[in-house]
């Protein structure tokens, strides 16, 4: 399964299996006790922490699996003002986009370090 997490298309495989294998390392607590809102709030905190500590691809992938299991979405955009550090002011937009569109976004990515243009996809997702 592909998951679009902000500007990254992540291959998360089977999200339930990935979450069962990695939930203790993820640090979100027992996923079976979480509500969808809890998973979204946890993901917001991960996005804010990535500003200070950098992006850990495996952490983003595990977080994407958590969001997929709890919200049944395959796309999550976290929108915030530049430098915003208050998680309550970060807006989350989750949706379900056909897998073929996510494959196209993944395949159009530029060389390492560059990002694909998400504008056409973002307009449809919003």
PDB file of N, CA and C in Angstrom:
ATOM      1  N   UNK A   1       0.848  -1.181   0.000  1.00  0.00           N
ATOM      2  CA  UNK A   1       0.000   0.000   0.000  1.00  0.00           C
ATOM      3  C   UNK A   1       0.888   1.236   0.000  1.00  0.00           C
ATOM      4  N   UNK A   2       0.500   2.204  -0.802  1.00  0.00           N
ATOM      5  CA  UNK A   2       1.207   3.481  -0.829  1.00  0.00           C
ATOM      6  C   UNK A   2       0.470   4.481   0.047  1.00  0.00           C
ATOM      7  N   UNK A   3       1.233   5.362   0.687  1.00  0.00           N
ATOM      8  CA  UNK A   3       0.663   6.390   1.552  1.00  0.00           C
ATOM      9  C   UNK A   3       1.393   7.691   1.263  1.00  0.00           C
ATOM     10  N   UNK A   4       0.635   8.743   0.971  1.00  0.00           N
ATOM     11  CA  UNK A   4       1.209  10.067   0.736  1.00  0.00           C
ATOM     12  C   UNK A   4       1.206  10.824   2.054  1.00  0.00           C
ATOM     13  N   UNK A   5       2.391  11.040   2.612  1.00  0.00           N
ATOM     14  CA  UNK A   5       2.563  11.716   3.898  1.00  0.00           C
ATOM     15  C   UNK A   5       3.241  13.045   3.595  1.00  0.00           C
ATOM     16  N   UNK A   6       2.458  14.110   3.572  1.00  0.00           N
ATOM     17  CA  UNK A   6       2.906  15.437   3.136  1.00  0.00           C
ATOM     18  C   UNK A   6       3.481  15.332   1.729  1.00  0.00           C
ATOM     19  N   UNK A   7       4.786  15.435   1.560  1.00  0.00           N
ATOM     20  CA  UNK A   7       5.374  15.413   0.219  1.00  0.00           C
ATOM     21  C   UNK A   7       6.088  14.108  -0.088  1.00  0.00           C
ATOM     22  N   UNK A   8       5.841  13.071   0.709  1.00  0.00           N
ATOM     23  CA  UNK A   8       6.535  11.795   0.518  1.00  0.00           C
ATOM     24  C   UNK A   8       5.540  10.688   0.230  1.00  0.00           C
ATOM     25  N   UNK A   9       5.798   9.936  -0.815  1.00  0.00           N
ATOM     26  CA  UNK A   9       5.005   8.741  -1.082  1.00  0.00           C
ATOM     27  C   UNK A   9       5.763   7.580  -0.456  1.00  0.00           C
ATOM     28  N   UNK A  10       5.136   6.952   0.533  1.00  0.00           N
ATOM     29  CA  UNK A  10       5.775   5.886   1.297  1.00  0.00           C
ATOM     30  C   UNK A  10       5.135   4.544   0.982  1.00  0.00           C
ATOM     31  N   UNK A  11       5.956   3.522   0.843  1.00  0.00           N
ATOM     32  CA  UNK A  11       5.459   2.157   0.672  1.00  0.00           C
ATOM     33  C   UNK A  11       5.353   1.561   2.071  1.00  0.00           C
ATOM     34  N   UNK A  12       4.111   1.334   2.533  1.00  0.00           N
ATOM     35  CA  UNK A  12       3.928   0.836   3.900  1.00  0.00           C
ATOM     36  C   UNK A  12       3.530  -0.634   3.942  1.00  0.00           C
ATOM     37  N   UNK A  13       3.399  -1.261   2.792  1.00  0.00           N
ATOM     38  CA  UNK A  13       3.009  -2.671   2.772  1.00  0.00           C
ATOM     39  C   UNK A  13       1.619  -2.842   3.363  1.00  0.00           C
ATOM     40  N   UNK A  14       1.441  -3.879   4.153  1.00  0.00           N
ATOM     41  CA  UNK A  14       0.176  -4.090   4.854  1.00  0.00           C
ATOM     42  C   UNK A  14       0.229  -3.264   6.137  1.00  0.00           C
ATOM     43  N   UNK A  15      -0.584  -2.221   6.267  1.00  0.00           N
ATOM     44  CA  UNK A  15      -0.454  -1.329   7.423  1.00  0.00           C
ATOM     45  C   UNK A  15      -0.714  -2.019   8.758  1.00  0.00           C
ATOM     46  N   UNK A  16      -1.654  -2.964   8.806  1.00  0.00           N
ATOM     47  CA  UNK A  16      -1.937  -3.654  10.066  1.00  0.00           C
ATOM     48  C   UNK A  16      -0.730  -4.457  10.530  1.00  0.00           C
ATOM     49  N   UNK A  17      -0.098  -5.163   9.595  1.00  0.00           N
ATOM     50  CA  UNK A  17       1.072  -5.977   9.933  1.00  0.00           C
ATOM     51  C   UNK A  17       2.224  -5.085  10.371  1.00  0.00           C
ATOM     52  N   UNK A  18       2.461  -4.002   9.632  1.00  0.00           N
ATOM     53  CA  UNK A  18       3.554  -3.084   9.986  1.00  0.00           C
ATOM     54  C   UNK A  18       3.334  -2.482  11.374  1.00  0.00           C
ATOM     55  N   UNK A  19       2.094  -2.093  11.656  1.00  0.00           N
ATOM     56  CA  UNK A  19       1.787  -1.488  12.949  1.00  0.00           C
ATOM     57  C   UNK A  19       1.968  -2.487  14.085  1.00  0.00           C
ATOM     58  N   UNK A  20       1.516  -3.716  13.885  1.00  0.00           N
ATOM     59  CA  UNK A  20       1.696  -4.742  14.917  1.00  0.00           C
ATOM     60  C   UNK A  20       3.169  -5.013  15.190  1.00  0.00           C
ATOM     61  N   UNK A  21       3.989  -4.952  14.154  1.00  0.00           N
ATOM     62  CA  UNK A  21       5.415  -5.230  14.306  1.00  0.00           C
ATOM     63  C   UNK A  21       6.177  -4.070  14.937  1.00  0.00           C
ATOM     64  N   UNK A  22       5.718  -2.833  14.735  1.00  0.00           N
ATOM     65  CA  UNK A  22       6.535  -1.670  15.112  1.00  0.00           C
ATOM     66  C   UNK A  22       5.897  -0.719  16.107  1.00  0.00           C
ATOM     67  N   UNK A  23       4.735  -1.022  16.666  1.00  0.00           N
ATOM     68  CA  UNK A  23       4.054  -0.028  17.493  1.00  0.00           C
ATOM     69  C   UNK A  23       4.849   0.337  18.739  1.00  0.00           C
ATOM     70  N   UNK A  24       5.612  -0.593  19.296  1.00  0.00           N
ATOM     71  CA  UNK A  24       6.389  -0.251  20.500  1.00  0.00           C
ATOM     72  C   UNK A  24       7.507   0.732  20.166  1.00  0.00           C
ATOM     73  N   UNK A  25       8.146   0.563  19.007  1.00  0.00           N
ATOM     74  CA  UNK A  25       9.197   1.493  18.588  1.00  0.00           C
ATOM     75  C   UNK A  25       8.624   2.853  18.195  1.00  0.00           C
ATOM     76  N   UNK A  26       7.398   2.854  17.726  1.00  0.00           N
ATOM     77  CA  UNK A  26       6.752   4.098  17.298  1.00  0.00           C
ATOM     78  C   UNK A  26       6.498   5.030  18.480  1.00  0.00           C
ATOM     79  N   UNK A  27       6.131   4.463  19.624  1.00  0.00           N
ATOM     80  CA  UNK A  27       5.929   5.277  20.820  1.00  0.00           C
ATOM     81  C   UNK A  27       4.551   5.885  20.947  1.00  0.00           C
ATOM     82  N   UNK A  28       3.567   5.318  20.266  1.00  0.00           N
ATOM     83  CA  UNK A  28       2.217   5.883  20.302  1.00  0.00           C
ATOM     84  C   UNK A  28       1.334   5.211  21.348  1.00  0.00           C
ATOM     85  N   UNK A  29       1.845   4.225  22.051  1.00  0.00           N
ATOM     86  CA  UNK A  29       1.005   3.450  22.952  1.00  0.00           C
ATOM     87  C   UNK A  29       0.327   2.338  22.173  1.00  0.00           C
ATOM     88  N   UNK A  30      -0.527   1.593  22.840  1.00  0.00           N
ATOM     89  CA  UNK A  30      -1.204   0.475  22.178  1.00  0.00           C
ATOM     90  C   UNK A  30      -2.162   0.996  21.112  1.00  0.00           C
ATOM     91  N   UNK A  31      -1.930   0.638  19.862  1.00  0.00           N
ATOM     92  CA  UNK A  31      -2.767   1.173  18.786  1.00  0.00           C
ATOM     93  C   UNK A  31      -4.227   0.749  18.878  1.00  0.00           C
ATOM     94  N   UNK A  32      -4.499  -0.400  19.483  1.00  0.00           N
ATOM     95  CA  UNK A  32      -5.896  -0.835  19.585  1.00  0.00           C
ATOM     96  C   UNK A  32      -6.695   0.028  20.549  1.00  0.00           C
ATOM     97  N   UNK A  33      -6.016   0.804  21.386  1.00  0.00           N
ATOM     98  CA  UNK A  33      -6.695   1.689  22.333  1.00  0.00           C
ATOM     99  C   UNK A  33      -6.817   3.124  21.816  1.00  0.00           C
ATOM    100  N   UNK A  34      -6.245   3.396  20.656  1.00  0.00           N
ATOM    101  CA  UNK A  34      -6.267   4.750  20.098  1.00  0.00           C
ATOM    102  C   UNK A  34      -7.503   4.976  19.234  1.00  0.00           C
ATOM    103  N   UNK A  35      -8.008   6.179  19.280  1.00  0.00           N
ATOM    104  CA  UNK A  35      -9.042   6.622  18.354  1.00  0.00           C
ATOM    105  C   UNK A  35      -8.353   7.288  17.162  1.00  0.00           C
ATOM    106  N   UNK A  36      -9.101   7.525  16.098  1.00  0.00           N
ATOM    107  CA  UNK A  36      -8.543   8.172  14.909  1.00  0.00           C
ATOM    108  C   UNK A  36      -7.954   9.538  15.261  1.00  0.00           C
ATOM    109  N   UNK A  37      -8.634  10.311  16.097  1.00  0.00           N
ATOM    110  CA  UNK A  37      -8.152  11.638  16.495  1.00  0.00           C
ATOM    111  C   UNK A  37      -6.806  11.529  17.217  1.00  0.00           C
ATOM    112  N   UNK A  38      -6.636  10.502  18.043  1.00  0.00           N
ATOM    113  CA  UNK A  38      -5.362  10.300  18.740  1.00  0.00           C
ATOM    114  C   UNK A  38      -4.234  10.038  17.740  1.00  0.00           C
ATOM    115  N   UNK A  39      -4.509   9.241  16.730  1.00  0.00           N
ATOM    116  CA  UNK A  39      -3.504   8.941  15.710  1.00  0.00           C
ATOM    117  C   UNK A  39      -3.119  10.205  14.941  1.00  0.00           C
ATOM    118  N   UNK A  40      -4.104  11.032  14.628  1.00  0.00           N
ATOM    119  CA  UNK A  40      -3.831  12.284  13.915  1.00  0.00           C
ATOM    120  C   UNK A  40      -2.997  13.218  14.780  1.00  0.00           C
ATOM    121  N   UNK A  41      -3.337  13.346  16.053  1.00  0.00           N
ATOM    122  CA  UNK A  41      -2.560  14.198  16.961  1.00  0.00           C
ATOM    123  C   UNK A  41      -1.132  13.689  17.112  1.00  0.00           C
ATOM    124  N   UNK A  42      -0.969  12.374  17.165  1.00  0.00           N
ATOM    125  CA  UNK A  42       0.371  11.792  17.253  1.00  0.00           C
ATOM    126  C   UNK A  42       1.172  12.140  15.993  1.00  0.00           C
ATOM    127  N   UNK A  43       0.542  12.026  14.824  1.00  0.00           N
ATOM    128  CA  UNK A  43       1.224  12.351  13.567  1.00  0.00           C
ATOM    129  C   UNK A  43       1.610  13.830  13.517  1.00  0.00           C
ATOM    130  N   UNK A  44       0.751  14.706  14.029  1.00  0.00           N
ATOM    131  CA  UNK A  44       1.090  16.134  14.089  1.00  0.00           C
ATOM    132  C   UNK A  44       2.366  16.345  14.896  1.00  0.00           C
ATOM    133  N   UNK A  45       2.476  15.667  16.022  1.00  0.00           N
ATOM    134  CA  UNK A  45       3.670  15.799  16.861  1.00  0.00           C
ATOM    135  C   UNK A  45       4.915  15.305  16.121  1.00  0.00           C
ATOM    136  N   UNK A  46       4.775  14.238  15.350  1.00  0.00           N
ATOM    137  CA  UNK A  46       5.902  13.718  14.563  1.00  0.00           C
ATOM    138  C   UNK A  46       6.346  14.759  13.539  1.00  0.00           C
ATOM    139  N   UNK A  47       5.398  15.392  12.874  1.00  0.00           N
ATOM    140  CA  UNK A  47       5.720  16.412  11.868  1.00  0.00           C
ATOM    141  C   UNK A  47       6.443  17.588  12.521  1.00  0.00           C
ATOM    142  N   UNK A  48       5.969  18.040  13.677  1.00  0.00           N
ATOM    143  CA  UNK A  48       6.620  19.158  14.367  1.00  0.00           C
ATOM    144  C   UNK A  48       8.019  18.776  14.835  1.00  0.00           C
ATOM    145  N   UNK A  49       8.184  17.559  15.334  1.00  0.00           N
ATOM    146  CA  UNK A  49       9.502  17.108  15.789  1.00  0.00           C
ATOM    147  C   UNK A  49      10.490  16.985  14.637  1.00  0.00           C
ATOM    148  N   UNK A  50       9.999  16.715  13.437  1.00  0.00           N
ATOM    149  CA  UNK A  50      10.909  16.539  12.305  1.00  0.00           C
ATOM    150  C   UNK A  50      11.634  17.837  11.964  1.00  0.00           C
ATOM    151  N   UNK A  51      11.089  18.980  12.359  1.00  0.00           N
ATOM    152  CA  UNK A  51      11.788  20.252  12.142  1.00  0.00           C
ATOM    153  C   UNK A  51      13.088  20.303  12.923  1.00  0.00           C
ATOM    154  N   UNK A  52      13.050  19.823  14.159  1.00  0.00           N
ATOM    155  CA  UNK A  52      14.219  19.898  15.026  1.00  0.00           C
ATOM    156  C   UNK A  52      15.174  18.729  14.831  1.00  0.00           C
ATOM    157  N   UNK A  53      14.624  17.546  14.596  1.00  0.00           N
ATOM    158  CA  UNK A  53      15.450  16.343  14.597  1.00  0.00           C
ATOM    159  C   UNK A  53      15.629  15.726  13.218  1.00  0.00           C
ATOM    160  N   UNK A  54      15.042  16.308  12.198  1.00  0.00           N
ATOM    161  CA  UNK A  54      15.133  15.750  10.856  1.00  0.00           C
ATOM    162  C   UNK A  54      14.087  14.673  10.636  1.00  0.00           C
ATOM    163  N   UNK A  55      13.971  14.257   9.403  1.00  0.00           N
ATOM    164  CA  UNK A  55      12.959  13.272   9.025  1.00  0.00           C
ATOM    165  C   UNK A  55      13.557  11.881   9.109  1.00  0.00           C
ATOM    166  N   UNK A  56      12.919  11.038   9.895  1.00  0.00           N
ATOM    167  CA  UNK A  56      13.286   9.628   9.969  1.00  0.00           C
ATOM    168  C   UNK A  56      12.283   8.876   9.099  1.00  0.00           C
ATOM    169  N   UNK A  57      12.749   8.388   7.964  1.00  0.00           N
ATOM    170  CA  UNK A  57      11.853   7.761   6.983  1.00  0.00           C
ATOM    171  C   UNK A  57      11.087   6.584   7.581  1.00  0.00           C
ATOM    172  N   UNK A  58      11.741   5.781   8.407  1.00  0.00           N
ATOM    173  CA  UNK A  58      11.045   4.625   8.991  1.00  0.00           C
ATOM    174  C   UNK A  58       9.981   5.080   9.996  1.00  0.00           C
ATOM    175  N   UNK A  59      10.248   6.168  10.710  1.00  0.00           N
ATOM    176  CA  UNK A  59       9.255   6.706  11.641  1.00  0.00           C
ATOM    177  C   UNK A  59       8.040   7.242  10.880  1.00  0.00           C
ATOM    178  N   UNK A  60       8.280   7.955   9.777  1.00  0.00           N
ATOM    179  CA  UNK A  60       7.181   8.437   8.940  1.00  0.00           C
ATOM    180  C   UNK A  60       6.377   7.261   8.385  1.00  0.00           C
ATOM    181  N   UNK A  61       7.051   6.202   7.985  1.00  0.00           N
ATOM    182  CA  UNK A  61       6.372   5.035   7.418  1.00  0.00           C
ATOM    183  C   UNK A  61       5.520   4.347   8.474  1.00  0.00           C
ATOM    184  N   UNK A  62       6.051   4.201   9.688  1.00  0.00           N
ATOM    185  CA  UNK A  62       5.266   3.605  10.775  1.00  0.00           C
ATOM    186  C   UNK A  62       4.078   4.493  11.142  1.00  0.00           C
ATOM    187  N   UNK A  63       4.303   5.791  11.149  1.00  0.00           N
ATOM    188  CA  UNK A  63       3.227   6.737  11.452  1.00  0.00           C
ATOM    189  C   UNK A  63       2.152   6.692  10.360  1.00  0.00           C
ATOM    190  N   UNK A  64       2.568   6.547   9.116  1.00  0.00           N
ATOM    191  CA  UNK A  64       1.616   6.415   8.006  1.00  0.00           C
ATOM    192  C   UNK A  64       0.789   5.145   8.161  1.00  0.00           C
ATOM    193  N   UNK A  65       1.415   4.060   8.614  1.00  0.00           N
ATOM    194  CA  UNK A  65       0.677   2.812   8.853  1.00  0.00           C
ATOM    195  C   UNK A  65      -0.362   3.017   9.951  1.00  0.00           C
ATOM    196  N   UNK A  66       0.008   3.735  11.005  1.00  0.00           N
ATOM    197  CA  UNK A  66      -0.938   4.032  12.087  1.00  0.00           C
ATOM    198  C   UNK A  66      -2.133   4.827  11.554  1.00  0.00           C
ATOM    199  N   UNK A  67      -1.860   5.844  10.751  1.00  0.00           N
ATOM    200  CA  UNK A  67      -2.943   6.651  10.183  1.00  0.00           C
ATOM    201  C   UNK A  67      -3.822   5.824   9.245  1.00  0.00           C
ATOM    202  N   UNK A  68      -3.215   4.958   8.458  1.00  0.00           N
ATOM    203  CA  UNK A  68      -3.992   4.122   7.535  1.00  0.00           C
ATOM    204  C   UNK A  68      -4.926   3.191   8.294  1.00  0.00           C
ATOM    205  N   UNK A  69      -4.430   2.604   9.371  1.00  0.00           N
ATOM    206  CA  UNK A  69      -5.245   1.671  10.152  1.00  0.00           C
ATOM    207  C   UNK A  69      -6.366   2.404  10.879  1.00  0.00           C
ATOM    208  N   UNK A  70      -6.062   3.526  11.475  1.00  0.00           N
ATOM    209  CA  UNK A  70      -7.039   4.216  12.320  1.00  0.00           C
ATOM    210  C   UNK A  70      -8.008   5.107  11.550  1.00  0.00           C
ATOM    211  N   UNK A  71      -7.601   5.636  10.403  1.00  0.00           N
ATOM    212  CA  UNK A  71      -8.462   6.575   9.680  1.00  0.00           C
ATOM    213  C   UNK A  71      -8.950   6.041   8.334  1.00  0.00           C
ATOM    214  N   UNK A  72      -8.368   4.957   7.862  1.00  0.00           N
ATOM    215  CA  UNK A  72      -8.693   4.371   6.558  1.00  0.00           C
ATOM    216  C   UNK A  72      -8.376   5.332   5.414  1.00  0.00           C
ATOM    217  N   UNK A  73      -7.435   6.234   5.643  1.00  0.00           N
ATOM    218  CA  UNK A  73      -6.981   7.158   4.606  1.00  0.00           C
ATOM    219  C   UNK A  73      -5.647   6.651   4.060  1.00  0.00           C
ATOM    220  N   UNK A  74      -5.283   7.114   2.875  1.00  0.00           N
ATOM    221  CA  UNK A  74      -3.957   6.802   2.352  1.00  0.00           C
ATOM    222  C   UNK A  74      -3.186   8.077   2.012  1.00  0.00           C
ATOM    223  N   UNK A  75      -3.715   9.202   2.463  1.00  0.00           N
ATOM    224  CA  UNK A  75      -3.080  10.490   2.225  1.00  0.00           C
ATOM    225  C   UNK A  75      -3.277  11.380   3.444  1.00  0.00           C
ATOM    226  N   UNK A  76      -2.197  12.004   3.883  1.00  0.00           N
ATOM    227  CA  UNK A  76      -2.285  12.930   5.012  1.00  0.00           C
ATOM    228  C   UNK A  76      -1.416  14.149   4.716  1.00  0.00           C
ATOM    229  N   UNK A  77      -2.047  15.303   4.748  1.00  0.00           N
ATOM    230  CA  UNK A  77      -1.342  16.574   4.626  1.00  0.00           C
ATOM    231  C   UNK A  77      -1.468  17.291   5.960  1.00  0.00           C
ATOM    232  N   UNK A  78      -0.342  17.770   6.476  1.00  0.00           N
ATOM    233  CA  UNK A  78      -0.346  18.536   7.720  1.00  0.00           C
ATOM    234  C   UNK A  78       0.052  19.959   7.360  1.00  0.00           C
ATOM    235  N   UNK A  79      -0.892  20.876   7.520  1.00  0.00           N
ATOM    236  CA  UNK A  79      -0.742  22.247   7.050  1.00  0.00           C
ATOM    237  C   UNK A  79      -0.510  23.152   8.247  1.00  0.00           C
ATOM    238  N   UNK A  80       0.538  23.959   8.144  1.00  0.00           N
ATOM    239  CA  UNK A  80       0.853  24.872   9.245  1.00  0.00           C
ATOM    240  C   UNK A  80       1.622  26.065   8.715  1.00  0.00           C
ATOM    241  N   UNK A  81       1.598  27.113   9.504  1.00  0.00           N
ATOM    242  CA  UNK A  81       2.384  28.297   9.167  1.00  0.00           C
ATOM    243  C   UNK A  81       3.859  27.987   9.405  1.00  0.00           C
ATOM    244  N   UNK A  82       4.719  28.655   8.678  1.00  0.00           N
ATOM    245  CA  UNK A  82       6.154  28.440   8.844  1.00  0.00           C
ATOM    246  C   UNK A  82       6.562  28.720  10.281  1.00  0.00           C
ATOM    247  N   UNK A  83       7.276  27.799  10.880  1.00  0.00           N
ATOM    248  CA  UNK A  83       7.755  27.964  12.242  1.00  0.00           C
ATOM    249  C   UNK A  83       6.730  27.660  13.316  1.00  0.00           C
ATOM    250  N   UNK A  84       5.528  27.255  12.940  1.00  0.00           N
ATOM    251  CA  UNK A  84       4.475  26.945  13.918  1.00  0.00           C
ATOM    252  C   UNK A  84       4.879  25.713  14.727  1.00  0.00           C
ATOM    253  N   UNK A  85       4.866  25.847  16.056  1.00  0.00           N
ATOM    254  CA  UNK A  85       5.257  24.738  16.918  1.00  0.00           C
ATOM    255  C   UNK A  85       4.131  24.259  17.811  1.00  0.00           C
ATOM    256  N   UNK A  86       2.966  24.856  17.704  1.00  0.00           N
ATOM    257  CA  UNK A  86       1.812  24.453  18.499  1.00  0.00           C
ATOM    258  C   UNK A  86       0.999  23.441  17.697  1.00  0.00           C
ATOM    259  N   UNK A  87       0.970  22.196  18.174  1.00  0.00           N
ATOM    260  CA  UNK A  87       0.285  21.122  17.439  1.00  0.00           C
ATOM    261  C   UNK A  87      -1.200  21.407  17.261  1.00  0.00           C
ATOM    262  N   UNK A  88      -1.791  22.158  18.175  1.00  0.00           N
ATOM    263  CA  UNK A  88      -3.221  22.446  18.057  1.00  0.00           C
ATOM    264  C   UNK A  88      -3.525  23.389  16.888  1.00  0.00           C
ATOM    265  N   UNK A  89      -2.504  24.071  16.379  1.00  0.00           N
ATOM    266  CA  UNK A  89      -2.703  24.991  15.254  1.00  0.00           C
ATOM    267  C   UNK A  89      -2.309  24.373  13.919  1.00  0.00           C
ATOM    268  N   UNK A  90      -1.914  23.109  13.942  1.00  0.00           N
ATOM    269  CA  UNK A  90      -1.597  22.390  12.710  1.00  0.00           C
ATOM    270  C   UNK A  90      -2.880  21.736  12.213  1.00  0.00           C
ATOM    271  N   UNK A  91      -3.209  21.973  10.958  1.00  0.00           N
ATOM    272  CA  UNK A  91      -4.415  21.386  10.373  1.00  0.00           C
ATOM    273  C   UNK A  91      -4.058  20.086   9.673  1.00  0.00           C
ATOM    274  N   UNK A  92      -4.882  19.084   9.870  1.00  0.00           N
ATOM    275  CA  UNK A  92      -4.682  17.794   9.204  1.00  0.00           C
ATOM    276  C   UNK A  92      -5.746  17.615   8.135  1.00  0.00           C
ATOM    277  N   UNK A  93      -5.312  17.211   6.954  1.00  0.00           N
ATOM    278  CA  UNK A  93      -6.231  16.887   5.862  1.00  0.00           C
ATOM    279  C   UNK A  93      -5.934  15.450   5.461  1.00  0.00           C
ATOM    280  N   UNK A  94      -6.897  14.574   5.690  1.00  0.00           N
ATOM    281  CA  UNK A  94      -6.745  13.170   5.333  1.00  0.00           C
ATOM    282  C   UNK A  94      -7.773  12.811   4.281  1.00  0.00           C
ATOM    283  N   UNK A  95      -7.371  11.989   3.348  1.00  0.00           N
ATOM    284  CA  UNK A  95      -8.282  11.574   2.286  1.00  0.00           C
ATOM    285  C   UNK A  95      -7.827  10.242   1.719  1.00  0.00           C
ATOM    286  N   UNK A  96      -8.639   9.714   0.847  1.00  0.00           N
ATOM    287  CA  UNK A  96      -8.336   8.466   0.158  1.00  0.00           C
ATOM    288  C   UNK A  96      -8.191   8.789  -1.325  1.00  0.00           C
ATOM    289  N   UNK A  97      -7.004   8.579  -1.849  1.00  0.00           N
ATOM    290  CA  UNK A  97      -6.699   8.855  -3.250  1.00  0.00           C
ATOM    291  C   UNK A  97      -6.437   7.516  -3.933  1.00  0.00           C
ATOM    292  N   UNK A  98      -6.939   7.332  -5.150  1.00  0.00           N
ATOM    293  CA  UNK A  98      -6.687   6.068  -5.843  1.00  0.00           C
ATOM    294  C   UNK A  98      -5.189   5.749  -5.918  1.00  0.00           C
ATOM    295  N   UNK A  99      -4.883   4.482  -5.731  1.00  0.00           N
ATOM    296  CA  UNK A  99      -3.492   4.018  -5.700  1.00  0.00           C
ATOM    297  C   UNK A  99      -2.740   4.386  -6.981  1.00  0.00           C
ATOM    298  N   UNK A 100      -3.416   4.372  -8.122  1.00  0.00           N
ATOM    299  CA  UNK A 100      -2.737   4.692  -9.382  1.00  0.00           C
ATOM    300  C   UNK A 100      -2.228   6.131  -9.391  1.00  0.00           C
ATOM    301  N   UNK A 101      -2.936   7.054  -8.739  1.00  0.00           N
ATOM    302  CA  UNK A 101      -2.462   8.441  -8.656  1.00  0.00           C
ATOM    303  C   UNK A 101      -1.221   8.528  -7.770  1.00  0.00           C
ATOM    304  N   UNK A 102      -1.224   7.783  -6.680  1.00  0.00           N
ATOM    305  CA  UNK A 102      -0.051   7.787  -5.803  1.00  0.00           C
ATOM    306  C   UNK A 102       1.157   7.178  -6.509  1.00  0.00           C
ATOM    307  N   UNK A 103       0.935   6.155  -7.311  1.00  0.00           N
ATOM    308  CA  UNK A 103       2.041   5.560  -8.077  1.00  0.00           C
ATOM    309  C   UNK A 103       2.620   6.577  -9.046  1.00  0.00           C
ATOM    310  N   UNK A 104       1.741   7.357  -9.694  1.00  0.00           N
ATOM    311  CA  UNK A 104       2.227   8.383 -10.621  1.00  0.00           C
ATOM    312  C   UNK A 104       3.054   9.438  -9.895  1.00  0.00           C
ATOM    313  N   UNK A 105       2.593   9.863  -8.729  1.00  0.00           N
ATOM    314  CA  UNK A 105       3.350  10.854  -7.955  1.00  0.00           C
ATOM    315  C   UNK A 105       4.699  10.273  -7.560  1.00  0.00           C
ATOM    316  N   UNK A 106       4.703   9.026  -7.097  1.00  0.00           N
ATOM    317  CA  UNK A 106       5.961   8.379  -6.706  1.00  0.00           C
ATOM    318  C   UNK A 106       6.902   8.277  -7.903  1.00  0.00           C
ATOM    319  N   UNK A 107       6.378   7.903  -9.062  1.00  0.00           N
ATOM    320  CA  UNK A 107       7.208   7.689 -10.246  1.00  0.00           C
ATOM    321  C   UNK A 107       7.717   8.981 -10.863  1.00  0.00           C
ATOM    322  N   UNK A 108       7.042  10.106 -10.638  1.00  0.00           N
ATOM    323  CA  UNK A 108       7.488  11.374 -11.221  1.00  0.00           C
ATOM    324  C   UNK A 108       8.499  12.082 -10.338  1.00  0.00           C
ATOM    325  N   UNK A 109       8.818  11.487  -9.191  1.00  0.00           N
ATOM    326  CA  UNK A 109       9.790  12.134  -8.299  1.00  0.00           C
ATOM    327  C   UNK A 109      11.090  12.400  -9.028  1.00  0.00           C
ATOM    328  N   UNK A 110      11.684  13.500  -8.680  1.00  0.00           N
ATOM    329  CA  UNK A 110      12.949  13.916  -9.267  1.00  0.00           C
ATOM    330  C   UNK A 110      14.086  13.139  -8.606  1.00  0.00           C
ATOM    331  N   UNK A 111      15.330  13.383  -8.987  1.00  0.00           N
ATOM    332  CA  UNK A 111      16.456  12.701  -8.354  1.00  0.00           C
ATOM    333  C   UNK A 111      16.465  12.903  -6.839  1.00  0.00           C
ATOM    334  N   UNK A 112      17.248  12.103  -6.163  1.00  0.00           N
ATOM    335  CA  UNK A 112      17.306  12.113  -4.704  1.00  0.00           C
ATOM    336  C   UNK A 112      17.462  13.533  -4.176  1.00  0.00           C
ATOM    337  N   UNK A 113      16.642  13.878  -3.198  1.00  0.00           N
ATOM    338  CA  UNK A 113      16.703  15.191  -2.579  1.00  0.00           C
ATOM    339  C   UNK A 113      15.685  16.166  -3.135  1.00  0.00           C
ATOM    340  N   UNK A 114      15.150  15.894  -4.303  1.00  0.00           N
ATOM    341  CA  UNK A 114      14.134  16.767  -4.891  1.00  0.00           C
ATOM    342  C   UNK A 114      12.763  16.152  -4.646  1.00  0.00           C
ATOM    343  N   UNK A 115      11.734  16.946  -4.775  1.00  0.00           N
ATOM    344  CA  UNK A 115      10.381  16.468  -4.516  1.00  0.00           C
ATOM    345  C   UNK A 115       9.508  16.681  -5.740  1.00  0.00           C
ATOM    346  N   UNK A 116       8.556  15.804  -5.901  1.00  0.00           N
ATOM    347  CA  UNK A 116       7.600  15.919  -6.999  1.00  0.00           C
ATOM    348  C   UNK A 116       6.654  17.083  -6.732  1.00  0.00           C
ATOM    349  N   UNK A 117       6.130  17.632  -7.787  1.00  0.00           N
ATOM    350  CA  UNK A 117       5.127  18.682  -7.640  1.00  0.00           C
ATOM    351  C   UNK A 117       3.808  18.042  -7.231  1.00  0.00           C
ATOM    352  N   UNK A 118       3.271  18.476  -6.104  1.00  0.00           N
ATOM    353  CA  UNK A 118       2.022  17.917  -5.611  1.00  0.00           C
ATOM    354  C   UNK A 118       0.840  18.829  -5.901  1.00  0.00           C
ATOM    355  N   UNK A 119       1.066  19.948  -6.586  1.00  0.00           N
ATOM    356  CA  UNK A 119      -0.017  20.913  -6.775  1.00  0.00           C
ATOM    357  C   UNK A 119      -1.238  20.320  -7.468  1.00  0.00           C
ATOM    358  N   UNK A 120      -1.099  19.593  -8.598  1.00  0.00           N
ATOM    359  CA  UNK A 120      -2.313  19.047  -9.220  1.00  0.00           C
ATOM    360  C   UNK A 120      -3.032  18.061  -8.298  1.00  0.00           C
ATOM    361  N   UNK A 121      -2.276  17.266  -7.570  1.00  0.00           N
ATOM    362  CA  UNK A 121      -2.859  16.294  -6.656  1.00  0.00           C
ATOM    363  C   UNK A 121      -3.488  17.002  -5.465  1.00  0.00           C
ATOM    364  N   UNK A 122      -2.828  18.016  -4.942  1.00  0.00           N
ATOM    365  CA  UNK A 122      -3.328  18.734  -3.773  1.00  0.00           C
ATOM    366  C   UNK A 122      -4.660  19.416  -4.084  1.00  0.00           C
ATOM    367  N   UNK A 123      -4.788  19.989  -5.276  1.00  0.00           N
ATOM    368  CA  UNK A 123      -6.024  20.671  -5.654  1.00  0.00           C
ATOM    369  C   UNK A 123      -7.186  19.687  -5.650  1.00  0.00           C
ATOM    370  N   UNK A 124      -6.971  18.483  -6.171  1.00  0.00           N
ATOM    371  CA  UNK A 124      -8.037  17.475  -6.183  1.00  0.00           C
ATOM    372  C   UNK A 124      -8.313  16.948  -4.788  1.00  0.00           C
ATOM    373  N   UNK A 125      -7.281  16.797  -3.951  1.00  0.00           N
ATOM    374  CA  UNK A 125      -7.458  16.237  -2.608  1.00  0.00           C
ATOM    375  C   UNK A 125      -8.180  17.211  -1.693  1.00  0.00           C
ATOM    376  N   UNK A 126      -7.925  18.503  -1.868  1.00  0.00           N
ATOM    377  CA  UNK A 126      -8.544  19.503  -1.004  1.00  0.00           C
ATOM    378  C   UNK A 126     -10.002  19.605  -1.341  1.00  0.00           C
TER     379      UNK A 126
END
